[in-house]
Protein backbone atom coordinates (compact mmCIF):
# COMPACT_ATOMS: atom_id res chain seq x y z
CA MET A 1 0.04 -0.43 -0.04
CA SER A 2 1.53 3.00 -1.37
CA HIS A 3 2.06 6.05 1.24
CA GLN A 4 -0.45 8.91 1.29
CA THR A 5 -0.06 12.38 2.04
CA PHE A 6 -3.04 14.71 3.71
CA TRP A 7 -3.33 18.11 3.70
CA LYS A 8 -2.77 20.15 6.36
CA PRO A 9 -3.29 24.14 6.59
CA GLU A 10 -0.62 26.23 6.56
CA LYS A 11 0.42 26.70 10.12
CA LYS A 12 -0.13 30.30 11.81
CA VAL A 13 2.78 32.06 13.58
CA LYS A 14 1.06 33.45 17.30
CA GLU A 15 1.66 37.33 18.34
CA LYS A 16 3.60 37.06 21.47
CA LYS A 17 2.17 38.32 24.67
CA SER A 18 3.50 41.15 25.81
CA TYR A 19 3.56 41.59 29.61
CA SER A 20 4.16 44.65 32.32
CA SER A 21 6.57 44.35 35.34
CA LEU A 22 4.18 43.55 37.10
CA GLY A 23 3.04 40.38 35.71
CA GLN A 24 0.26 42.21 33.78
CA ARG A 25 -0.79 41.35 30.18
CA LYS A 26 -0.43 44.55 28.34
CA LYS A 27 -3.14 45.63 26.37
CA SER A 28 -2.26 46.42 22.31
CA LYS A 29 -3.18 50.35 21.48
CA LYS A 30 -5.88 50.59 19.15
CA PRO A 31 -5.15 53.02 16.17
CA ILE A 32 -6.37 56.24 16.62
CA PRO A 33 -9.61 56.90 13.60
CA GLU A 34 -9.00 59.72 11.19
CA TRP A 35 -11.46 62.03 12.28
CA LYS A 36 -10.37 61.76 15.68
CA LYS A 37 -7.47 62.60 14.91
CA ASP A 38 -8.57 65.66 12.71
CA ILE A 39 -10.14 66.99 16.29
CA LEU A 40 -6.99 66.26 18.02
CA ALA A 41 -5.12 68.51 15.46
CA HIS A 42 -7.39 71.40 16.50
CA HIS A 43 -7.15 71.05 19.94
CA GLN A 44 -5.79 73.38 22.16
CA SER A 45 -5.26 72.29 25.42
CA ARG A 46 -5.00 74.95 28.37
CA PRO A 47 -1.57 76.56 29.33
CA SER A 48 0.09 74.38 32.61
CA ARG A 49 0.55 76.16 35.82
CA ALA A 50 4.10 76.82 35.04
CA ASP A 51 3.38 78.57 31.71
CA ARG A 52 0.57 80.79 33.31
CA ALA A 53 3.43 81.81 35.35
CA GLU A 54 5.48 83.07 32.77
CA PHE A 55 5.63 86.53 31.87
CA PRO A 56 5.71 87.04 27.99
CA PRO A 57 8.47 88.94 25.90
CA GLU A 58 5.98 92.06 25.34
CA VAL A 59 5.32 92.88 28.94
CA ILE A 60 8.60 92.86 29.79
CA THR A 61 9.66 94.87 26.98
CA GLU A 62 6.39 97.62 28.02
CA LEU A 63 7.78 97.57 31.95
CA ILE A 64 11.14 98.39 30.84
CA GLU A 65 9.81 101.77 28.66
CA GLU A 66 7.08 102.55 31.39
CA THR A 67 9.92 102.43 33.97
CA GLN A 68 13.22 103.53 32.23
CA GLY A 69 15.11 100.39 33.22
CA ILE A 70 14.61 101.96 36.86
CA CYS A 71 14.21 99.07 39.89
CA GLN A 72 11.07 100.03 40.47
CA CYS A 73 11.67 99.55 44.75
CA GLY A 74 13.23 103.59 44.05
CA CYS A 75 16.98 102.51 44.67
CA GLY A 76 18.18 104.07 41.75
CA ARG A 77 19.53 100.99 40.19
CA LYS A 78 19.13 99.30 36.59
CA SER A 79 16.17 96.91 36.91
CA THR A 80 17.66 93.51 35.43
CA GLN A 81 14.39 90.98 36.89
CA THR A 82 10.86 90.93 36.39
CA HIS A 83 9.44 89.91 40.10
CA HIS A 84 5.77 88.67 40.72
CA VAL A 85 4.22 90.45 43.46
CA MET A 86 1.58 87.62 44.00
CA PRO A 87 4.38 85.31 44.45
CA ARG A 88 4.15 82.37 41.66
CA GLY A 89 3.92 79.65 44.45
CA ARG A 90 0.81 81.50 45.30
CA SER A 91 -0.49 81.17 41.97
CA GLY A 92 0.84 84.54 41.08
CA ARG A 93 0.39 84.47 37.16
CA GLY A 94 2.48 85.94 34.59
CA VAL A 95 0.42 89.30 33.98
CA LYS A 96 1.50 93.35 33.57
CA THR A 97 -1.01 93.88 37.00
CA ASN A 98 1.41 91.13 38.40
CA ALA A 99 4.71 92.29 37.45
CA MET A 100 7.16 94.54 38.75
CA ARG A 101 10.99 95.55 36.91
CA VAL A 102 13.44 95.33 39.93
CA CYS A 103 17.52 94.67 40.37
CA ASP A 104 18.97 91.26 41.48
CA THR A 105 19.82 92.57 45.21
CA CYS A 106 16.03 94.38 45.97
CA HIS A 107 14.64 91.29 44.30
CA ASP A 108 16.16 88.94 46.71
CA ARG A 109 15.38 91.28 49.74
CA ILE A 110 11.88 90.84 48.66
CA GLN A 111 11.59 87.55 48.07
CA THR A 112 12.81 86.68 51.98
CA ASN A 113 11.16 89.86 53.79
CA GLU A 114 7.32 88.70 54.40
CA GLU A 115 6.54 92.14 55.51
CA GLU A 116 7.77 93.85 52.67
CA LEU A 117 6.30 90.98 50.03
CA GLN A 118 3.32 91.91 51.44
CA GLY A 119 3.45 95.74 51.34
CA TRP A 120 4.01 95.46 47.87
CA ILE A 121 1.13 93.49 47.71
CA THR A 122 -0.99 95.81 49.61
CA THR A 123 0.36 98.84 46.78
CA TYR A 124 -0.95 96.56 43.93
CA SER A 125 -4.12 95.55 45.82
CA LEU A 126 -4.87 99.35 46.06
CA THR A 127 -3.77 100.17 42.51
CA TYR A 128 -4.85 96.90 40.54
CA GLY A 129 -7.81 95.57 42.30
CA PRO A 130 -7.49 92.50 44.82
CA ARG A 131 -7.54 89.88 42.83
CA PHE A 132 -4.27 91.94 40.43
CA TRP A 133 -1.99 88.48 40.40
CA PHE A 134 -5.27 86.74 38.13
CA ASP A 135 -4.93 86.04 34.49
CA GLU A 136 -7.52 85.21 31.54
CA GLN A 137 -8.69 81.84 32.60
CA ASP A 138 -8.22 82.72 36.83
CA TRP A 139 -11.00 85.01 35.90
CA GLU A 140 -13.22 83.04 34.03
CA GLU A 141 -13.05 80.61 36.57
CA TYR A 142 -14.00 83.41 39.20
CA ASN A 143 -17.05 84.43 37.16
CA ARG A 144 -18.29 81.21 36.74
CA LYS A 145 -18.38 80.49 40.59
CA GLN A 146 -19.36 83.41 40.96
CA ALA A 147 -22.69 82.83 38.95
CA ALA A 148 -23.10 79.54 40.69
CA ARG A 149 -23.00 81.15 44.17
CA GLU A 150 -25.45 84.24 43.27
CA ARG A 151 -27.76 80.96 41.61
CA MET A 152 -27.84 79.47 44.52
CA GLU A 153 -28.51 82.74 46.80
CA ALA A 154 -31.57 83.48 44.94
CA GLU A 155 -32.95 80.06 44.71
CA LYS A 156 -32.41 80.17 48.88
CA ARG A 157 -34.21 83.55 48.86
CA GLU A 158 -36.85 81.75 46.58
CA HIS A 159 -37.05 79.08 49.03
CA LEU A 160 -37.59 81.91 52.18
CA ASP A 161 -40.16 83.73 50.39
CA TYR A 162 -42.10 80.41 49.42
CA MET A 163 -41.71 79.17 53.33
CA LYS A 164 -42.76 82.51 54.98
CA PRO A 165 -46.28 81.83 54.71
CA VAL A 166 -46.13 78.50 56.24
CA MET A 167 -44.01 79.31 59.21
CA GLU A 168 -47.11 82.00 59.81
CA LEU A 169 -49.29 79.39 59.70
CA ILE A 170 -47.42 76.97 61.78
CA THR A 171 -46.21 80.24 64.80
CA SER A 172 -49.92 81.02 64.58
CA ALA A 173 -51.23 78.19 65.50
CA ALA A 174 -48.37 77.04 67.79
CA GLY A 175 -48.74 80.56 69.85
CA ARG A 176 -44.90 80.69 69.75
CA THR A 177 -42.37 81.02 67.53
CA LEU A 178 -39.86 78.22 65.79
CA LYS A 179 -37.16 76.75 67.44
CA ALA A 180 -33.89 76.80 64.99
CA LYS A 181 -34.39 73.02 64.60
CA GLU A 182 -37.86 73.86 63.09
CA ILE A 183 -36.71 76.12 60.93
CA ARG A 184 -34.18 73.64 59.47
CA LEU A 185 -36.31 71.02 59.10
CA LEU A 186 -38.53 73.45 57.04
CA GLU A 187 -35.31 74.40 55.35
CA ALA A 188 -34.39 70.89 54.29
CA MET A 189 -37.85 70.30 51.89
CA ASP A 190 -38.25 71.08 48.65
CA ASP A 191 -41.12 73.62 47.12
CA LYS A 192 -43.45 69.57 46.88
CA GLN A 193 -42.84 68.59 50.00
CA MET A 194 -43.88 72.13 51.51
CA LEU A 195 -46.73 72.44 49.54
CA VAL A 196 -48.28 68.76 50.63
CA PHE A 197 -46.91 70.09 54.41
CA THR A 198 -49.34 73.33 53.98
CA ASN A 199 -52.05 71.49 52.93
CA MET A 200 -51.85 68.84 55.63
CA ILE A 201 -51.88 71.76 57.86
CA SER A 202 -54.18 73.96 56.59
CA ASP A 203 -56.74 71.02 56.81
CA ALA A 204 -55.68 70.14 60.30
CA LEU A 205 -56.65 73.39 61.55
CA LYS A 206 -59.94 73.36 59.83
CA ASN A 207 -60.42 70.54 60.66
CA PHE A 208 -59.94 71.60 64.54
CA SER A 209 -61.35 75.08 64.34
CA VAL A 210 -65.03 73.24 63.91
CA PRO A 211 -66.85 73.29 66.76
CA ALA A 212 -68.31 69.44 68.36
CA PRO A 213 -71.96 69.04 68.07
CA SER A 214 -73.22 69.73 71.25
CA TYR A 215 -76.67 68.62 72.61
CA GLY A 216 -79.10 70.24 75.10
CA TYR A 217 -79.94 68.97 78.87
CA GLY A 218 -82.31 66.24 78.91
CA GLU A 219 -81.92 65.15 75.26
CA ARG A 220 -81.61 61.88 74.40
CA PHE A 221 -79.48 60.37 71.00
CA GLU A 222 -78.75 57.41 69.27
CA ASP A 223 -75.86 55.43 68.48
């Protein structure tokens, strides 16, 4: 009997699995779709904290021209550095209203003398406002928080106005002023709960004010 050779499928070489230093299998990175590449190419990330603390060259140039290259501390020496009035470690940004042209000697002294540093911070606060070191991103965040705070305060005032009739009703029924914990309980209710509570109190007072039927002396009544 002659030997027959059977066909065998071609053996595929398996891709080697890669593992991390902790012995976990690494996941292969999926290719980024073309449409996503286009979005990422036009995306501009916000500057880092370090970048926001750097003074732009045009700001430094303007300050040198305005101060005629003289130290702003009044020592009369030539300015060599641009000082952050609000230090960069305290979120002082690289904006013109936070910049001060100083010499090396004055710069070293201000940075090591907290009293003098606070003096210049006070001076710049009076000149440029209480947040003179803010950049555009700081103001954007600050205004957003202020708007959210104002909305919350408006909602709270509206809720308190809605509560006033209820508080007056309960105060009249109880014959006394409400305690702090009772007011906090009412404040914790939303408008729907307050409406249900008001209707319940009103019904209770109406039923309480209706006089009970009375019977004359000697009259008989059936159950």
